[in-house]
Amino acid sequence: TEAGFSLNLQKCSFVMHKIEFLGYEVSAGQIRPNQRKVEALTTLPPPSTVTQLRQFIGLASYFRQFIAKFSEIMAPLYKLTSSKKNIEWLNEHEKIRLYIIEKLTSEPVLTIFDPNHNIELHTDASSEGYGGILLHKIEGRPHVVAYFSKLTTPPESRYHSYELETLAVVNSVKHFQQYLVGRRFTVVTDCNSLKASHSKVDLTPRVHRWWAFLQAFDFEIIYRQGKNMGHVDFLSRNPLPVQATKTSEINEIATIDKKIEQKRIDFTELPSNWLLVEQQRDEEIKSLIAKISNNELDDNVHRT
């Protein structure tokens, strides 16, 4: 008390074997990424179709350099891809899947975020969902900081592919913004038109709003062919039903006591004369228009 230091015992924990601190799990002699960073992989069910299996193989293959005897281990899964019908998923296949996931969610594939390393954000989108992987490039090798996936909403699932790819970047940046704010990073995408749209003027209000949000971040966009993006394609086509980590929306305003969400308006769905109609409804604007028409404005107002 002499130093003015006090503790709230109800908020304290003592003699803990491990704790969560600033996104890390700290235990005796170990610091490792929190498991929430990898739940996009660890909570997914086994593949039930050949397509889903090929997507999983695409994810695993991207990090094959970290997995010894990769081809030998994956051979039973490769054989299943020759089937034209639903696959017969046996216990031996599940053991391989769990082994690969364990490798993808632990060192050396998984690493702790370090702002001194180059930062890359790989994104992809489909009508089913969005995928994002935050990576470090260390000595030319990709190391994962965290995985992210999210379901599309029913309206979003009908968006144009270009809009989906743009929204994949927005959602991924929002999810990882605590790592990205104030730092230079690279967005890697298989959408070639995404980079060109950055400087376009004739964007739809919806896309323009997304780019307005992205202007707060310092990044460059690099295009990569889809065949080289299988790792993040898997996440976009196998998104989590519920994303546990919530991030603030673009149009939300945080206050001390509460959070107020602004009303969102899609201007593309409004009639062409909507502004005129609203002006005619507003009493102050109607009065101002009448004074201008009748030349009744004060001289000082005219001069301003």
Protein backbone atom coordinates (compact mmCIF):
# COMPACT_ATOMS: atom_id res chain seq x y z
CA THR A 1 0.00 0.00 0.00
CA GLU A 2 2.91 2.38 0.58
CA ALA A 3 3.78 2.17 -3.13
CA GLY A 4 0.15 2.57 -4.19
CA PHE A 5 0.04 -0.93 -5.69
CA SER A 6 -2.97 -3.18 -5.12
CA LEU A 7 -4.40 -6.43 -6.49
CA ASN A 8 -7.96 -7.58 -7.06
CA LEU A 9 -7.81 -11.18 -5.84
CA GLN A 10 -10.97 -12.10 -7.76
CA LYS A 11 -9.13 -11.33 -10.98
CA CYS A 12 -5.89 -13.09 -10.01
CA SER A 13 -4.78 -16.66 -10.65
CA PHE A 14 -1.95 -18.33 -8.77
CA VAL A 15 0.10 -21.53 -9.23
CA MET A 16 -1.07 -21.95 -12.83
CA HIS A 17 0.56 -24.53 -15.11
CA LYS A 18 -0.11 -22.34 -18.15
CA ILE A 19 -1.66 -18.95 -18.92
CA GLU A 20 -2.77 -17.01 -21.98
CA PHE A 21 -0.98 -13.70 -22.45
CA LEU A 22 -1.12 -11.35 -25.43
CA GLY A 23 -2.22 -14.11 -27.77
CA TYR A 24 0.34 -16.64 -26.56
CA GLU A 25 0.15 -19.68 -24.34
CA VAL A 26 2.86 -19.45 -21.68
CA SER A 27 3.79 -22.56 -19.71
CA ALA A 28 6.86 -23.83 -17.85
CA GLY A 29 9.78 -23.10 -20.16
CA GLN A 30 7.56 -22.70 -23.24
CA ILE A 31 5.90 -19.90 -25.18
CA ARG A 32 3.76 -20.97 -28.11
CA PRO A 33 0.89 -19.55 -30.20
CA ASN A 34 -2.59 -19.75 -28.73
CA GLN A 35 -4.65 -22.67 -30.03
CA ARG A 36 -7.35 -20.28 -31.26
CA LYS A 37 -4.95 -19.32 -34.04
CA VAL A 38 -5.18 -22.81 -35.50
CA GLU A 39 -8.81 -23.74 -34.86
CA ALA A 40 -9.58 -23.12 -38.54
CA LEU A 41 -7.80 -26.46 -39.07
CA THR A 42 -8.18 -28.38 -35.83
CA THR A 43 -11.98 -28.18 -35.63
CA LEU A 44 -12.81 -29.26 -39.19
CA PRO A 45 -14.36 -32.69 -39.87
CA PRO A 46 -12.70 -35.24 -42.19
CA PRO A 47 -13.29 -34.87 -45.95
CA SER A 48 -16.31 -36.71 -47.31
CA THR A 49 -15.78 -36.16 -51.05
CA VAL A 50 -12.86 -36.41 -53.46
CA THR A 51 -13.01 -32.65 -53.98
CA GLN A 52 -12.63 -31.94 -50.27
CA LEU A 53 -9.77 -34.44 -50.06
CA ARG A 54 -7.93 -32.76 -52.93
CA GLN A 55 -8.37 -29.42 -51.19
CA PHE A 56 -6.80 -30.83 -48.03
CA ILE A 57 -3.92 -32.28 -50.06
CA GLY A 58 -3.41 -28.81 -51.59
CA LEU A 59 -3.09 -27.31 -48.11
CA ALA A 60 -0.67 -29.98 -46.90
CA SER A 61 1.45 -29.84 -50.07
CA TYR A 62 2.17 -26.14 -49.62
CA PHE A 63 4.12 -26.94 -46.44
CA ARG A 64 5.56 -30.29 -47.54
CA GLN A 65 9.11 -29.01 -47.13
CA PHE A 66 8.59 -29.15 -43.36
CA ILE A 67 7.23 -32.73 -43.31
CA ALA A 68 9.74 -35.55 -43.71
CA LYS A 69 8.73 -38.36 -46.10
CA PHE A 70 5.70 -36.34 -47.14
CA SER A 71 4.88 -38.32 -50.31
CA GLU A 72 5.22 -41.63 -48.50
CA ILE A 73 2.93 -40.51 -45.67
CA MET A 74 0.31 -39.08 -48.04
CA ALA A 75 0.27 -42.08 -50.43
CA PRO A 76 -2.95 -43.63 -49.00
CA LEU A 77 -4.73 -40.29 -49.42
CA TYR A 78 -3.47 -39.91 -52.98
CA LYS A 79 -5.02 -43.29 -53.83
CA LEU A 80 -8.43 -42.11 -52.64
CA THR A 81 -8.45 -39.23 -55.14
CA SER A 82 -8.84 -41.68 -58.03
CA SER A 83 -12.35 -42.51 -56.85
CA LYS A 84 -15.23 -40.89 -58.74
CA LYS A 85 -17.68 -41.33 -55.89
CA ASN A 86 -17.72 -40.49 -52.21
CA ILE A 87 -14.58 -41.72 -50.54
CA GLU A 88 -14.43 -44.47 -47.94
CA TRP A 89 -12.66 -42.76 -45.06
CA LEU A 90 -10.97 -45.35 -42.90
CA ASN A 91 -9.11 -45.13 -39.60
CA GLU A 92 -5.72 -45.17 -41.37
CA HIS A 93 -6.76 -42.13 -43.43
CA GLU A 94 -7.90 -40.25 -40.34
CA LYS A 95 -4.59 -40.94 -38.61
CA ILE A 96 -2.77 -39.39 -41.57
CA ARG A 97 -5.06 -36.35 -41.57
CA LEU A 98 -4.55 -35.76 -37.85
CA TYR A 99 -0.79 -36.21 -38.22
CA ILE A 100 -0.65 -33.61 -41.00
CA ILE A 101 -2.80 -31.16 -39.03
CA GLU A 102 -0.52 -31.62 -36.03
CA LYS A 103 2.46 -30.74 -38.22
CA LEU A 104 0.69 -27.69 -39.68
CA THR A 105 -0.27 -26.37 -36.24
CA SER A 106 3.07 -26.75 -34.49
CA GLU A 107 6.69 -25.76 -34.98
CA PRO A 108 8.44 -25.35 -37.35
CA VAL A 109 5.42 -24.62 -39.60
CA LEU A 110 3.74 -22.51 -36.91
CA THR A 111 5.72 -19.62 -35.47
CA ILE A 112 5.30 -16.73 -33.06
CA PHE A 113 4.71 -13.34 -34.67
CA ASP A 114 7.85 -11.24 -35.02
CA PRO A 115 7.53 -7.75 -36.59
CA ASN A 116 11.17 -7.94 -37.68
CA HIS A 117 10.29 -10.58 -40.29
CA ASN A 118 8.54 -9.98 -43.60
CA ILE A 119 4.75 -10.24 -43.22
CA GLU A 120 2.53 -11.86 -45.85
CA LEU A 121 -1.24 -12.25 -45.83
CA HIS A 122 -2.50 -14.94 -48.23
CA THR A 123 -6.23 -14.72 -48.97
CA ASP A 124 -8.82 -16.56 -51.02
CA ALA A 125 -12.60 -16.63 -51.38
CA SER A 126 -15.35 -18.86 -52.68
CA SER A 127 -19.13 -18.78 -52.50
CA GLU A 128 -18.80 -20.93 -49.36
CA GLY A 129 -16.40 -18.79 -47.37
CA TYR A 130 -13.22 -16.77 -46.93
CA GLY A 131 -9.75 -17.96 -46.04
CA GLY A 132 -6.68 -16.16 -44.79
CA ILE A 133 -3.24 -17.20 -43.58
CA LEU A 134 -0.83 -14.79 -41.89
CA LEU A 135 2.76 -15.83 -42.60
CA HIS A 136 6.35 -14.84 -42.05
CA LYS A 137 8.93 -15.45 -44.76
CA ILE A 138 12.04 -16.61 -42.87
CA GLU A 139 15.06 -17.52 -45.00
CA GLY A 140 12.74 -17.97 -47.96
CA ARG A 141 10.42 -20.41 -46.17
CA PRO A 142 6.78 -19.70 -45.26
CA HIS A 143 6.00 -19.97 -41.53
CA VAL A 144 2.40 -19.63 -40.35
CA VAL A 145 1.46 -17.17 -37.63
CA ALA A 146 -2.26 -17.98 -37.70
CA TYR A 147 -5.05 -19.43 -39.85
CA PHE A 148 -8.43 -17.81 -40.47
CA SER A 149 -11.66 -18.91 -42.14
CA LYS A 150 -15.19 -17.57 -42.16
CA LEU A 151 -18.50 -18.53 -43.76
CA THR A 152 -20.08 -16.22 -46.29
CA THR A 153 -23.52 -14.88 -45.46
CA PRO A 154 -26.38 -15.78 -47.85
CA PRO A 155 -26.20 -12.37 -49.61
CA GLU A 156 -22.38 -12.55 -49.83
CA SER A 157 -22.52 -16.00 -51.43
CA ARG A 158 -24.15 -14.35 -54.46
CA TYR A 159 -21.45 -11.69 -54.89
CA HIS A 160 -19.29 -11.56 -58.01
CA SER A 161 -16.00 -13.45 -57.62
CA TYR A 162 -14.04 -10.18 -57.70
CA GLU A 163 -16.15 -8.80 -54.83
CA LEU A 164 -15.66 -12.01 -52.86
CA GLU A 165 -11.89 -11.82 -53.31
CA THR A 166 -11.88 -8.19 -52.18
CA LEU A 167 -13.98 -9.03 -49.15
CA ALA A 168 -11.61 -11.90 -48.34
CA VAL A 169 -8.81 -9.35 -48.01
CA VAL A 170 -11.01 -7.07 -45.89
CA ASN A 171 -12.10 -9.87 -43.55
CA SER A 172 -8.57 -11.21 -43.20
CA VAL A 173 -7.12 -7.76 -42.50
CA LYS A 174 -9.82 -7.13 -39.91
CA HIS A 175 -9.14 -10.47 -38.25
CA PHE A 176 -5.36 -9.93 -38.11
CA GLN A 177 -5.36 -6.15 -37.72
CA GLN A 178 -3.55 -6.22 -34.36
CA TYR A 179 -0.52 -7.56 -36.26
CA LEU A 180 -0.90 -5.34 -39.33
CA VAL A 181 -1.65 -1.83 -38.07
CA GLY A 182 1.34 0.43 -38.65
CA ARG A 183 3.37 -2.26 -40.41
CA ARG A 184 4.18 -2.88 -44.06
CA PHE A 185 2.89 -6.22 -45.37
CA THR A 186 2.14 -8.05 -48.61
CA VAL A 187 -1.26 -9.39 -49.67
CA VAL A 188 -0.99 -12.47 -51.91
CA THR A 189 -4.10 -13.35 -53.94
CA ASP A 190 -5.08 -15.33 -57.03
CA CYS A 191 -7.41 -12.51 -58.17
CA ASN A 192 -5.51 -10.64 -60.89
CA SER A 193 -8.01 -7.76 -61.07
CA LEU A 194 -7.74 -6.99 -57.36
CA LYS A 195 -4.53 -5.02 -57.75
CA ALA A 196 -5.91 -2.95 -60.65
CA SER A 197 -9.05 -2.03 -58.71
CA HIS A 198 -6.96 -0.26 -56.08
CA SER A 199 -6.68 2.81 -58.33
CA LYS A 200 -10.08 2.60 -60.02
CA VAL A 201 -12.57 5.44 -59.65
CA ASP A 202 -15.76 3.79 -60.94
CA LEU A 203 -16.18 1.32 -58.08
CA THR A 204 -19.54 0.30 -56.66
CA PRO A 205 -20.34 1.95 -53.31
CA ARG A 206 -19.93 -1.39 -51.58
CA VAL A 207 -16.43 -2.04 -52.95
CA HIS A 208 -15.49 1.61 -52.48
CA ARG A 209 -16.37 1.30 -48.78
CA TRP A 210 -14.14 -1.76 -48.46
CA TRP A 211 -11.21 0.02 -50.09
CA ALA A 212 -11.78 3.04 -47.84
CA PHE A 213 -11.24 0.70 -44.88
CA LEU A 214 -8.09 -0.80 -46.42
CA GLN A 215 -6.57 2.65 -46.94
CA ALA A 216 -5.67 2.67 -43.24
CA PHE A 217 -3.13 -0.13 -43.87
CA ASP A 218 0.25 -0.13 -45.62
CA PHE A 219 0.44 -3.05 -48.05
CA GLU A 220 1.16 -4.13 -51.60
CA ILE A 221 -0.77 -6.73 -53.59
CA ILE A 222 0.92 -9.61 -55.39
CA TYR A 223 -0.89 -11.91 -57.81
CA ARG A 224 -0.21 -15.64 -57.69
CA GLN A 225 -1.83 -18.30 -59.86
CA GLY A 226 -4.59 -20.33 -58.23
CA LYS A 227 -2.66 -23.59 -58.61
CA ASN A 228 -0.11 -22.15 -56.16
CA MET A 229 -2.71 -21.07 -53.61
CA GLY A 230 -4.06 -24.46 -52.55
CA HIS A 231 -3.21 -23.82 -48.89
CA VAL A 232 -5.60 -20.89 -48.53
CA ASP A 233 -8.09 -22.25 -51.08
CA PHE A 234 -8.71 -25.11 -48.64
CA LEU A 235 -9.75 -22.65 -45.91
CA SER A 236 -12.11 -20.69 -48.17
CA ARG A 237 -13.90 -23.87 -49.28
CA ASN A 238 -13.97 -25.44 -45.82
CA PRO A 239 -14.77 -22.50 -43.53
CA LEU A 240 -15.59 -22.77 -39.87
CA PRO A 241 -19.36 -22.81 -39.16
CA VAL A 242 -18.74 -20.25 -36.41
CA GLN A 243 -15.69 -18.04 -36.17
CA ALA A 244 -14.80 -17.77 -32.50
CA THR A 245 -12.70 -14.62 -32.74
CA LYS A 246 -14.82 -11.57 -33.39
CA THR A 247 -13.44 -8.34 -34.80
CA SER A 248 -15.04 -4.91 -34.96
CA GLU A 249 -16.96 -4.09 -38.11
CA ILE A 250 -15.87 -1.38 -40.54
CA ASN A 251 -18.81 0.85 -39.70
CA GLU A 252 -18.82 0.42 -35.94
CA ILE A 253 -17.94 3.24 -33.55
CA ALA A 254 -16.48 2.26 -30.18
CA THR A 255 -17.42 4.41 -27.18
CA ILE A 256 -16.53 4.09 -23.50
CA ASP A 257 -19.87 2.73 -22.39
CA LYS A 258 -21.26 1.06 -25.49
CA LYS A 259 -20.73 0.29 -29.14
CA ILE A 260 -23.01 1.95 -31.66
CA GLU A 261 -23.31 0.39 -35.10
CA GLN A 262 -24.07 2.77 -37.93
CA LYS A 263 -26.91 1.94 -40.27
CA ARG A 264 -25.57 0.53 -43.54
CA ILE A 265 -27.14 1.53 -46.82
CA ASP A 266 -26.49 -0.17 -50.14
CA PHE A 267 -26.84 2.76 -52.56
CA THR A 268 -26.94 0.42 -55.55
CA GLU A 269 -30.37 -0.79 -54.42
CA LEU A 270 -31.91 2.71 -54.16
CA PRO A 271 -33.90 4.41 -56.97
CA SER A 272 -32.03 6.94 -59.08
CA ASN A 273 -34.00 9.88 -57.64
CA TRP A 274 -33.62 8.84 -53.99
CA LEU A 275 -31.66 11.98 -53.05
CA LEU A 276 -34.32 14.31 -54.48
CA VAL A 277 -37.06 12.42 -52.67
CA GLU A 278 -35.25 12.67 -49.34
CA GLN A 279 -34.56 16.39 -49.84
CA GLN A 280 -38.25 17.01 -50.43
CA ARG A 281 -39.07 15.23 -47.17
CA ASP A 282 -36.64 17.27 -45.09
CA GLU A 283 -38.30 20.43 -43.72
CA GLU A 284 -35.08 22.44 -43.37
CA ILE A 285 -33.91 21.63 -46.89
CA LYS A 286 -37.36 22.39 -48.30
CA SER A 287 -37.29 25.78 -46.56
CA LEU A 288 -33.78 26.51 -47.86
CA ILE A 289 -34.75 25.60 -51.43
CA ALA A 290 -37.78 27.87 -51.22
CA LYS A 291 -35.67 30.82 -50.01
CA ILE A 292 -33.14 30.28 -52.80
CA SER A 293 -35.91 30.13 -55.40
CA ASN A 294 -37.53 33.33 -54.07
CA ASN A 295 -34.19 35.11 -53.58
CA GLU A 296 -34.94 35.48 -49.87
CA LEU A 297 -31.56 34.44 -48.48
CA ASP A 298 -29.65 36.90 -46.33
CA ASP A 299 -26.81 38.72 -48.10
CA ASN A 300 -24.25 37.22 -45.71
CA VAL A 301 -25.40 33.73 -46.69
CA HIS A 302 -25.02 34.59 -50.38
CA ARG A 303 -21.43 35.70 -49.82
CA THR A 304 -20.48 32.45 -48.04
